Amino acid sequence: MIQQSKEKGRFYKNQQRRVLESVTEVSDIDAIIQQANEADRLFNFDHPTPNLLISLEASSSTGDRTPEERREQQKREEALHASSLRVPRRPPWNSGMSIEELDTNERQAFLIWRRTLARLEENEKLVLTPFEKNLDIWRQLWRVLERSDLLVMVVDARDPVFLLVS
């Protein structure tokens, strides 16, 4: 186990990554770039240019409803998508897996989870609270959970609405 941890550390050092940089908010272009990097795609002349549809007009579908109706609609959407709103799970693994294989499996599982949430975020009636978008933070949490018998969550009380879970 210790040897695997050392190998994993060398693997990250060789990639010259900043391992723990929390990311909860990204702009649309940042999300596109990160998604391209996570999927290991290189955009070159062989790939078509992605079509980005950007609407500069205000949404008229929400303007004709009262705030109470919008809240009710949001609650219905949350209930409808409740099964999709979950934390990313670590893919199954065993001690015989190579570091590269484990890394690939974790990246793929995380990418699928992010794409699912991105589809949900496109729904204007559904509001997602900020969540961690850095795979390395989730990896650290997965490993801590595997080794722990007890988990304590410390919440910053200066902005309780930021972490509101209903």
N, C-alpha and C. Protein backbone atom coordinates (compact mmCIF):
# COMPACT_ATOMS: atom_id res chain seq x y z
N MET A 1 0.83 -1.19 0.00
CA MET A 1 0.00 0.00 0.00
C MET A 1 0.87 1.26 0.00
N ILE A 2 1.91 1.27 0.84
CA ILE A 2 2.81 2.43 0.90
C ILE A 2 3.55 2.59 -0.42
N GLN A 3 3.98 1.46 -0.99
CA GLN A 3 4.68 1.51 -2.27
C GLN A 3 3.79 2.09 -3.36
N GLN A 4 2.51 1.68 -3.36
CA GLN A 4 1.57 2.22 -4.35
C GLN A 4 1.39 3.72 -4.17
N SER A 5 1.32 4.17 -2.92
CA SER A 5 1.18 5.61 -2.66
C SER A 5 2.40 6.37 -3.17
N LYS A 6 3.59 5.81 -2.95
CA LYS A 6 4.81 6.46 -3.44
C LYS A 6 4.82 6.52 -4.96
N GLU A 7 4.41 5.42 -5.61
CA GLU A 7 4.37 5.40 -7.07
C GLU A 7 3.37 6.42 -7.60
N LYS A 8 2.22 6.51 -6.94
CA LYS A 8 1.20 7.48 -7.35
C LYS A 8 1.74 8.90 -7.19
N GLY A 9 2.46 9.16 -6.10
CA GLY A 9 3.06 10.47 -5.89
C GLY A 9 4.07 10.81 -6.97
N ARG A 10 4.90 9.84 -7.34
CA ARG A 10 5.87 10.06 -8.42
C ARG A 10 5.16 10.31 -9.75
N PHE A 11 4.06 9.57 -9.96
CA PHE A 11 3.28 9.73 -11.18
C PHE A 11 2.78 11.16 -11.31
N TYR A 12 2.23 11.72 -10.21
CA TYR A 12 1.73 13.10 -10.25
C TYR A 12 2.88 14.10 -10.36
N LYS A 13 3.99 13.82 -9.69
CA LYS A 13 5.14 14.73 -9.77
C LYS A 13 5.68 14.78 -11.19
N ASN A 14 5.71 13.62 -11.85
CA ASN A 14 6.18 13.58 -13.23
C ASN A 14 5.27 14.36 -14.17
N GLN A 15 3.99 14.40 -13.85
CA GLN A 15 3.06 15.14 -14.69
C GLN A 15 3.07 16.63 -14.35
N GLN A 16 3.79 17.01 -13.30
CA GLN A 16 3.93 18.40 -12.86
C GLN A 16 2.57 19.07 -12.68
N ARG A 17 1.71 18.42 -11.93
CA ARG A 17 0.39 18.96 -11.64
C ARG A 17 0.38 19.63 -10.29
N ARG A 18 -0.51 20.60 -10.15
CA ARG A 18 -0.84 21.09 -8.83
C ARG A 18 -1.97 20.19 -8.36
N VAL A 19 -1.69 19.30 -7.43
CA VAL A 19 -2.61 18.24 -7.10
C VAL A 19 -3.89 18.75 -6.46
N LEU A 20 -3.80 19.65 -5.51
CA LEU A 20 -4.99 20.06 -4.79
C LEU A 20 -5.30 21.54 -5.00
N GLU A 21 -6.01 21.83 -6.04
CA GLU A 21 -6.48 23.18 -6.30
C GLU A 21 -7.99 23.09 -6.45
N SER A 22 -8.70 23.59 -5.46
CA SER A 22 -10.15 23.48 -5.46
C SER A 22 -10.77 24.35 -6.54
N VAL A 23 -11.72 23.77 -7.26
CA VAL A 23 -12.41 24.49 -8.33
C VAL A 23 -13.91 24.26 -8.14
N THR A 24 -14.63 25.34 -7.81
CA THR A 24 -16.08 25.20 -7.68
C THR A 24 -16.83 26.00 -8.73
N GLU A 25 -16.22 27.03 -9.27
CA GLU A 25 -16.88 27.85 -10.29
C GLU A 25 -15.97 27.94 -11.50
N VAL A 26 -16.51 27.70 -12.68
CA VAL A 26 -15.76 27.87 -13.91
C VAL A 26 -16.65 28.57 -14.92
N SER A 27 -16.01 29.30 -15.83
CA SER A 27 -16.77 29.93 -16.91
C SER A 27 -17.01 28.88 -17.98
N ASP A 28 -17.85 29.19 -18.93
CA ASP A 28 -18.18 28.23 -19.98
C ASP A 28 -16.95 27.82 -20.79
N ILE A 29 -16.09 28.77 -21.12
CA ILE A 29 -14.91 28.43 -21.91
C ILE A 29 -13.96 27.56 -21.10
N ASP A 30 -13.86 27.82 -19.78
CA ASP A 30 -13.03 26.97 -18.92
C ASP A 30 -13.57 25.55 -18.90
N ALA A 31 -14.88 25.41 -18.85
CA ALA A 31 -15.49 24.08 -18.83
C ALA A 31 -15.21 23.34 -20.13
N ILE A 32 -15.27 24.04 -21.25
CA ILE A 32 -15.01 23.41 -22.55
C ILE A 32 -13.56 22.95 -22.63
N ILE A 33 -12.64 23.80 -22.20
CA ILE A 33 -11.22 23.44 -22.23
C ILE A 33 -10.94 22.28 -21.30
N GLN A 34 -11.50 22.32 -20.09
CA GLN A 34 -11.26 21.23 -19.14
C GLN A 34 -11.86 19.93 -19.65
N GLN A 35 -13.03 19.98 -20.24
CA GLN A 35 -13.65 18.77 -20.76
C GLN A 35 -12.80 18.18 -21.88
N ALA A 36 -12.24 19.04 -22.73
CA ALA A 36 -11.38 18.56 -23.79
C ALA A 36 -10.13 17.90 -23.23
N ASN A 37 -9.55 18.50 -22.19
CA ASN A 37 -8.37 17.91 -21.57
C ASN A 37 -8.68 16.60 -20.89
N GLU A 38 -9.82 16.52 -20.19
CA GLU A 38 -10.18 15.30 -19.49
C GLU A 38 -10.45 14.16 -20.46
N ALA A 39 -11.00 14.46 -21.60
CA ALA A 39 -11.30 13.42 -22.58
C ALA A 39 -10.08 13.08 -23.44
N ASP A 40 -8.95 13.72 -23.14
CA ASP A 40 -7.70 13.49 -23.87
C ASP A 40 -7.87 13.72 -25.38
N ARG A 41 -8.61 14.75 -25.71
CA ARG A 41 -8.80 15.09 -27.12
C ARG A 41 -7.89 16.25 -27.48
N LEU A 42 -7.29 16.16 -28.63
CA LEU A 42 -6.52 17.28 -29.15
C LEU A 42 -7.30 17.83 -30.33
N PHE A 43 -7.70 19.09 -30.22
CA PHE A 43 -8.46 19.69 -31.31
C PHE A 43 -7.47 20.18 -32.37
N ASN A 44 -7.58 19.59 -33.53
CA ASN A 44 -6.73 20.01 -34.64
C ASN A 44 -7.59 20.07 -35.89
N PHE A 45 -6.95 20.09 -37.02
CA PHE A 45 -7.69 20.25 -38.27
C PHE A 45 -8.56 19.04 -38.60
N ASP A 46 -8.28 17.90 -38.01
CA ASP A 46 -9.08 16.70 -38.30
C ASP A 46 -10.44 16.74 -37.63
N HIS A 47 -10.57 17.53 -36.57
CA HIS A 47 -11.82 17.59 -35.83
C HIS A 47 -12.63 18.80 -36.28
N PRO A 48 -13.93 18.63 -36.40
CA PRO A 48 -14.75 19.79 -36.76
C PRO A 48 -14.81 20.79 -35.61
N THR A 49 -15.04 22.03 -35.95
CA THR A 49 -15.16 23.07 -34.94
C THR A 49 -16.46 22.86 -34.19
N PRO A 50 -16.42 22.90 -32.84
CA PRO A 50 -17.66 22.70 -32.09
C PRO A 50 -18.62 23.87 -32.31
N ASN A 51 -19.90 23.55 -32.39
CA ASN A 51 -20.93 24.57 -32.55
C ASN A 51 -21.36 25.03 -31.17
N LEU A 52 -21.12 26.29 -30.88
CA LEU A 52 -21.51 26.86 -29.60
C LEU A 52 -22.67 27.82 -29.84
N LEU A 53 -23.81 27.49 -29.28
CA LEU A 53 -24.98 28.34 -29.42
C LEU A 53 -25.08 29.21 -28.19
N ILE A 54 -24.97 30.52 -28.38
CA ILE A 54 -25.03 31.45 -27.26
C ILE A 54 -26.21 32.38 -27.49
N SER A 55 -27.12 32.37 -26.56
CA SER A 55 -28.29 33.23 -26.65
C SER A 55 -28.04 34.48 -25.83
N LEU A 56 -28.13 35.64 -26.48
CA LEU A 56 -27.91 36.90 -25.78
C LEU A 56 -29.22 37.52 -25.32
N GLU A 57 -30.32 36.91 -25.67
CA GLU A 57 -31.62 37.43 -25.27
C GLU A 57 -32.00 36.88 -23.91
N ALA A 58 -32.75 37.67 -23.16
CA ALA A 58 -33.24 37.22 -21.86
C ALA A 58 -34.27 36.13 -22.08
N SER A 59 -34.31 35.19 -21.18
CA SER A 59 -35.25 34.08 -21.30
C SER A 59 -36.67 34.58 -21.05
N SER A 60 -37.53 34.37 -22.03
CA SER A 60 -38.91 34.83 -21.90
C SER A 60 -39.79 33.80 -21.22
N SER A 61 -39.30 32.56 -21.09
CA SER A 61 -40.14 31.51 -20.51
C SER A 61 -40.32 31.69 -19.01
N THR A 62 -39.39 32.37 -18.33
CA THR A 62 -39.54 32.56 -16.89
C THR A 62 -40.14 33.90 -16.55
N GLY A 63 -40.25 34.80 -17.52
CA GLY A 63 -40.74 36.14 -17.24
C GLY A 63 -42.23 36.22 -16.98
N ASP A 64 -43.01 35.27 -17.46
CA ASP A 64 -44.45 35.35 -17.30
C ASP A 64 -44.97 34.60 -16.08
N ARG A 65 -44.09 34.07 -15.25
CA ARG A 65 -44.50 33.34 -14.05
C ARG A 65 -44.17 34.11 -12.79
N THR A 66 -44.95 33.87 -11.76
CA THR A 66 -44.69 34.50 -10.47
C THR A 66 -43.54 33.77 -9.78
N PRO A 67 -42.90 34.39 -8.80
CA PRO A 67 -41.82 33.72 -8.07
C PRO A 67 -42.28 32.41 -7.41
N GLU A 68 -43.51 32.38 -6.93
CA GLU A 68 -44.01 31.15 -6.30
C GLU A 68 -44.13 30.03 -7.32
N GLU A 69 -44.61 30.35 -8.52
CA GLU A 69 -44.73 29.34 -9.57
C GLU A 69 -43.35 28.83 -9.98
N ARG A 70 -42.37 29.74 -10.05
CA ARG A 70 -41.01 29.33 -10.40
C ARG A 70 -40.42 28.41 -9.34
N ARG A 71 -40.67 28.73 -8.05
CA ARG A 71 -40.18 27.86 -6.97
C ARG A 71 -40.82 26.48 -7.04
N GLU A 72 -42.12 26.44 -7.31
CA GLU A 72 -42.81 25.15 -7.44
C GLU A 72 -42.25 24.34 -8.61
N GLN A 73 -42.02 25.02 -9.73
CA GLN A 73 -41.44 24.35 -10.89
C GLN A 73 -40.04 23.83 -10.57
N GLN A 74 -39.26 24.62 -9.84
CA GLN A 74 -37.91 24.20 -9.46
C GLN A 74 -37.97 22.98 -8.56
N LYS A 75 -38.91 22.95 -7.62
CA LYS A 75 -39.06 21.78 -6.74
C LYS A 75 -39.45 20.54 -7.53
N ARG A 76 -40.33 20.69 -8.52
CA ARG A 76 -40.71 19.55 -9.36
C ARG A 76 -39.51 19.04 -10.15
N GLU A 77 -38.71 19.95 -10.69
CA GLU A 77 -37.51 19.55 -11.43
C GLU A 77 -36.51 18.84 -10.52
N GLU A 78 -36.33 19.35 -9.31
CA GLU A 78 -35.41 18.71 -8.37
C GLU A 78 -35.88 17.30 -8.03
N ALA A 79 -37.18 17.13 -7.82
CA ALA A 79 -37.72 15.80 -7.52
C ALA A 79 -37.55 14.87 -8.72
N LEU A 80 -37.73 15.40 -9.91
CA LEU A 80 -37.60 14.60 -11.13
C LEU A 80 -36.17 14.11 -11.33
N HIS A 81 -35.19 14.96 -11.01
CA HIS A 81 -33.78 14.63 -11.26
C HIS A 81 -33.03 14.23 -10.00
N ALA A 82 -33.72 13.92 -8.93
CA ALA A 82 -33.06 13.61 -7.66
C ALA A 82 -32.12 12.42 -7.77
N SER A 83 -32.46 11.43 -8.58
CA SER A 83 -31.59 10.25 -8.70
C SER A 83 -30.29 10.57 -9.43
N SER A 84 -30.27 11.62 -10.24
CA SER A 84 -29.06 12.00 -10.98
C SER A 84 -28.14 12.89 -10.16
N LEU A 85 -28.65 13.48 -9.10
CA LEU A 85 -27.86 14.40 -8.28
C LEU A 85 -27.19 13.62 -7.16
N ARG A 86 -25.99 13.13 -7.42
CA ARG A 86 -25.25 12.37 -6.43
C ARG A 86 -23.76 12.67 -6.57
N VAL A 87 -23.02 12.35 -5.54
CA VAL A 87 -21.58 12.59 -5.59
C VAL A 87 -20.94 11.52 -6.47
N PRO A 88 -19.79 11.81 -7.07
CA PRO A 88 -19.15 10.81 -7.93
C PRO A 88 -18.63 9.64 -7.11
N ARG A 89 -18.82 8.46 -7.61
CA ARG A 89 -18.35 7.25 -6.94
C ARG A 89 -17.03 6.82 -7.57
N ARG A 90 -16.17 6.28 -6.73
CA ARG A 90 -14.91 5.76 -7.24
C ARG A 90 -15.19 4.45 -7.97
N PRO A 91 -14.64 4.28 -9.16
CA PRO A 91 -14.88 3.03 -9.89
C PRO A 91 -14.23 1.85 -9.16
N PRO A 92 -14.75 0.66 -9.36
CA PRO A 92 -14.17 -0.52 -8.69
C PRO A 92 -12.69 -0.67 -9.06
N TRP A 93 -11.90 -1.09 -8.07
CA TRP A 93 -10.48 -1.26 -8.30
C TRP A 93 -9.96 -2.38 -7.39
N ASN A 94 -8.77 -2.87 -7.69
CA ASN A 94 -8.10 -3.84 -6.83
C ASN A 94 -6.60 -3.54 -6.82
N SER A 95 -5.90 -4.20 -5.93
CA SER A 95 -4.47 -3.90 -5.76
C SER A 95 -3.63 -4.35 -6.95
N GLY A 96 -4.19 -5.18 -7.82
CA GLY A 96 -3.44 -5.65 -8.98
C GLY A 96 -3.49 -4.70 -10.17
N MET A 97 -4.27 -3.65 -10.07
CA MET A 97 -4.39 -2.71 -11.19
C MET A 97 -3.16 -1.81 -11.25
N SER A 98 -2.78 -1.46 -12.46
CA SER A 98 -1.65 -0.53 -12.62
C SER A 98 -2.13 0.89 -12.31
N ILE A 99 -1.18 1.77 -12.06
CA ILE A 99 -1.51 3.16 -11.75
C ILE A 99 -2.20 3.82 -12.94
N GLU A 100 -1.71 3.55 -14.13
CA GLU A 100 -2.30 4.15 -15.33
C GLU A 100 -3.73 3.66 -15.54
N GLU A 101 -3.97 2.37 -15.31
CA GLU A 101 -5.31 1.81 -15.47
C GLU A 101 -6.28 2.43 -14.46
N LEU A 102 -5.84 2.54 -13.21
CA LEU A 102 -6.68 3.15 -12.18
C LEU A 102 -6.94 4.62 -12.52
N ASP A 103 -5.92 5.33 -12.97
CA ASP A 103 -6.07 6.73 -13.34
C ASP A 103 -7.08 6.88 -14.48
N THR A 104 -6.98 6.04 -15.49
CA THR A 104 -7.91 6.10 -16.62
C THR A 104 -9.33 5.81 -16.18
N ASN A 105 -9.53 4.79 -15.36
CA ASN A 105 -10.87 4.44 -14.88
C ASN A 105 -11.48 5.58 -14.06
N GLU A 106 -10.67 6.18 -13.18
CA GLU A 106 -11.17 7.28 -12.36
C GLU A 106 -11.52 8.49 -13.23
N ARG A 107 -10.67 8.79 -14.22
CA ARG A 107 -10.95 9.91 -15.12
C ARG A 107 -12.25 9.69 -15.89
N GLN A 108 -12.43 8.47 -16.41
CA GLN A 108 -13.64 8.18 -17.18
C GLN A 108 -14.89 8.28 -16.32
N ALA A 109 -14.85 7.72 -15.12
CA ALA A 109 -16.01 7.78 -14.22
C ALA A 109 -16.33 9.23 -13.85
N PHE A 110 -15.29 10.01 -13.58
CA PHE A 110 -15.48 11.42 -13.22
C PHE A 110 -16.03 12.21 -14.40
N LEU A 111 -15.52 11.93 -15.60
CA LEU A 111 -15.98 12.63 -16.80
C LEU A 111 -17.45 12.33 -17.08
N ILE A 112 -17.86 11.09 -16.91
CA ILE A 112 -19.27 10.73 -17.09
C ILE A 112 -20.13 11.47 -16.08
N TRP A 113 -19.68 11.54 -14.83
CA TRP A 113 -20.42 12.26 -13.78
C TRP A 113 -20.55 13.74 -14.13
N ARG A 114 -19.44 14.35 -14.58
CA ARG A 114 -19.47 15.77 -14.94
C ARG A 114 -20.40 16.04 -16.11
N ARG A 115 -20.39 15.14 -17.11
CA ARG A 115 -21.28 15.33 -18.26
C ARG A 115 -22.74 15.23 -17.84
N THR A 116 -23.04 14.32 -16.93
CA THR A 116 -24.41 14.19 -16.43
C THR A 116 -24.84 15.48 -15.75
N LEU A 117 -23.98 16.03 -14.91
CA LEU A 117 -24.31 17.29 -14.24
C LEU A 117 -24.39 18.46 -15.22
N ALA A 118 -23.56 18.45 -16.25
CA ALA A 118 -23.61 19.52 -17.25
C ALA A 118 -24.96 19.50 -17.98
N ARG A 119 -25.46 18.30 -18.28
CA ARG A 119 -26.78 18.20 -18.90
C ARG A 119 -27.86 18.75 -17.97
N LEU A 120 -27.72 18.47 -16.68
CA LEU A 120 -28.71 18.97 -15.73
C LEU A 120 -28.61 20.49 -15.58
N GLU A 121 -27.39 21.03 -15.64
CA GLU A 121 -27.21 22.48 -15.51
C GLU A 121 -27.81 23.24 -16.69
N GLU A 122 -27.93 22.58 -17.84
CA GLU A 122 -28.53 23.23 -19.00
C GLU A 122 -30.02 23.50 -18.79
N ASN A 123 -30.63 22.75 -17.89
CA ASN A 123 -32.04 22.93 -17.58
C ASN A 123 -32.18 24.21 -16.75
N GLU A 124 -32.82 25.23 -17.32
CA GLU A 124 -32.91 26.52 -16.63
C GLU A 124 -33.81 26.49 -15.41
N LYS A 125 -34.62 25.46 -15.27
CA LYS A 125 -35.52 25.38 -14.12
C LYS A 125 -34.85 24.70 -12.92
N LEU A 126 -33.68 24.15 -13.12
CA LEU A 126 -32.97 23.43 -12.07
C LEU A 126 -31.72 24.20 -11.67
N VAL A 127 -31.56 24.46 -10.37
CA VAL A 127 -30.41 25.21 -9.88
C VAL A 127 -29.54 24.27 -9.05
N LEU A 128 -28.28 24.13 -9.46
CA LEU A 128 -27.34 23.29 -8.73
C LEU A 128 -26.48 24.17 -7.83
N THR A 129 -26.26 23.71 -6.60
CA THR A 129 -25.36 24.44 -5.72
C THR A 129 -23.93 24.23 -6.22
N PRO A 130 -23.01 25.13 -5.89
CA PRO A 130 -21.62 24.94 -6.32
C PRO A 130 -21.06 23.62 -5.80
N PHE A 131 -20.29 22.94 -6.64
CA PHE A 131 -19.70 21.67 -6.26
C PHE A 131 -18.27 21.61 -6.76
N GLU A 132 -17.49 20.71 -6.17
CA GLU A 132 -16.08 20.58 -6.51
C GLU A 132 -15.93 19.97 -7.89
N LYS A 133 -15.12 20.60 -8.73
CA LYS A 133 -14.94 20.14 -10.11
C LYS A 133 -13.53 19.62 -10.37
N ASN A 134 -12.72 19.50 -9.33
CA ASN A 134 -11.35 19.02 -9.49
C ASN A 134 -11.30 17.54 -9.13
N LEU A 135 -10.90 16.72 -10.08
CA LEU A 135 -10.84 15.27 -9.87
C LEU A 135 -9.90 14.90 -8.73
N ASP A 136 -8.80 15.62 -8.58
CA ASP A 136 -7.83 15.28 -7.53
C ASP A 136 -8.40 15.46 -6.13
N ILE A 137 -9.29 16.43 -5.95
CA ILE A 137 -9.95 16.60 -4.65
C ILE A 137 -10.84 15.39 -4.37
N TRP A 138 -11.59 14.95 -5.38
CA TRP A 138 -12.45 13.78 -5.21
C TRP A 138 -11.62 12.53 -4.94
N ARG A 139 -10.48 12.40 -5.62
CA ARG A 139 -9.61 11.24 -5.37
C ARG A 139 -9.15 11.21 -3.92
N GLN A 140 -8.78 12.38 -3.40
CA GLN A 140 -8.34 12.44 -2.01
C GLN A 140 -9.49 12.03 -1.09
N LEU A 141 -10.69 12.51 -1.36
CA LEU A 141 -11.85 12.14 -0.54
C LEU A 141 -12.11 10.64 -0.61
N TRP A 142 -12.04 10.05 -1.80
CA TRP A 142 -12.27 8.61 -1.94
C TRP A 142 -11.28 7.82 -1.09
N ARG A 143 -10.03 8.20 -1.12
CA ARG A 143 -9.02 7.46 -0.37
C ARG A 143 -9.18 7.64 1.14
N VAL A 144 -9.56 8.84 1.56
CA VAL A 144 -9.80 9.07 2.99
C VAL A 144 -10.99 8.24 3.45
N LEU A 145 -12.05 8.20 2.65
CA LEU A 145 -13.24 7.42 3.02
C LEU A 145 -12.93 5.93 3.11
N GLU A 146 -12.08 5.43 2.22
CA GLU A 146 -11.73 4.01 2.25
C GLU A 146 -10.98 3.64 3.52
N ARG A 147 -10.20 4.56 4.04
CA ARG A 147 -9.38 4.27 5.22
C ARG A 147 -10.05 4.65 6.53
N SER A 148 -11.17 5.34 6.49
CA SER A 148 -11.76 5.90 7.70
C SER A 148 -12.94 5.08 8.22
N ASP A 149 -13.07 5.09 9.53
CA ASP A 149 -14.24 4.52 10.18
C ASP A 149 -15.24 5.60 10.52
N LEU A 150 -14.77 6.82 10.62
CA LEU A 150 -15.61 7.95 11.00
C LEU A 150 -15.25 9.15 10.13
N LEU A 151 -16.27 9.87 9.69
CA LEU A 151 -16.04 11.04 8.86
C LEU A 151 -16.76 12.22 9.50
N VAL A 152 -16.05 13.32 9.68
CA VAL A 152 -16.62 14.53 10.27
C VAL A 152 -16.61 15.61 9.20
N MET A 153 -17.76 16.26 9.02
CA MET A 153 -17.86 17.34 8.04
C MET A 153 -17.86 18.67 8.76
N VAL A 154 -16.88 19.50 8.45
CA VAL A 154 -16.78 20.83 9.05
C VAL A 154 -17.26 21.83 8.00
N VAL A 155 -18.22 22.65 8.39
CA VAL A 155 -18.84 23.59 7.46
C VAL A 155 -18.54 25.01 7.91
N ASP A 156 -18.23 25.85 6.95
CA ASP A 156 -17.98 27.27 7.22
C ASP A 156 -19.32 27.95 7.47
N ALA A 157 -19.54 28.45 8.67
CA ALA A 157 -20.83 29.04 9.05
C ALA A 157 -20.96 30.50 8.64
N ARG A 158 -19.93 31.07 8.04
CA ARG A 158 -20.03 32.47 7.62
C ARG A 158 -20.99 32.65 6.45
N ASP A 159 -21.14 31.62 5.63
CA ASP A 159 -22.05 31.69 4.49
C ASP A 159 -22.82 30.38 4.40
N PRO A 160 -23.79 30.15 5.30
CA PRO A 160 -24.49 28.86 5.34
C PRO A 160 -25.32 28.59 4.10
N VAL A 161 -25.80 29.61 3.41
CA VAL A 161 -26.61 29.39 2.22
C VAL A 161 -25.77 28.78 1.09
N PHE A 162 -24.47 29.08 1.08
CA PHE A 162 -23.57 28.53 0.06
C PHE A 162 -23.56 27.01 0.10
N LEU A 163 -23.65 26.43 1.28
CA LEU A 163 -23.59 24.98 1.44
C LEU A 163 -24.94 24.37 1.79
N LEU A 164 -26.02 25.08 1.51
CA LEU A 164 -27.35 24.61 1.84
C LEU A 164 -27.70 23.36 1.04
N VAL A 165 -28.06 22.32 1.74
CA VAL A 165 -28.51 21.08 1.11
C VAL A 165 -29.90 20.80 1.64
N SER A 166 -30.85 20.67 0.73
CA SER A 166 -32.22 20.41 1.19
C SER A 166 -32.70 19.05 0.76
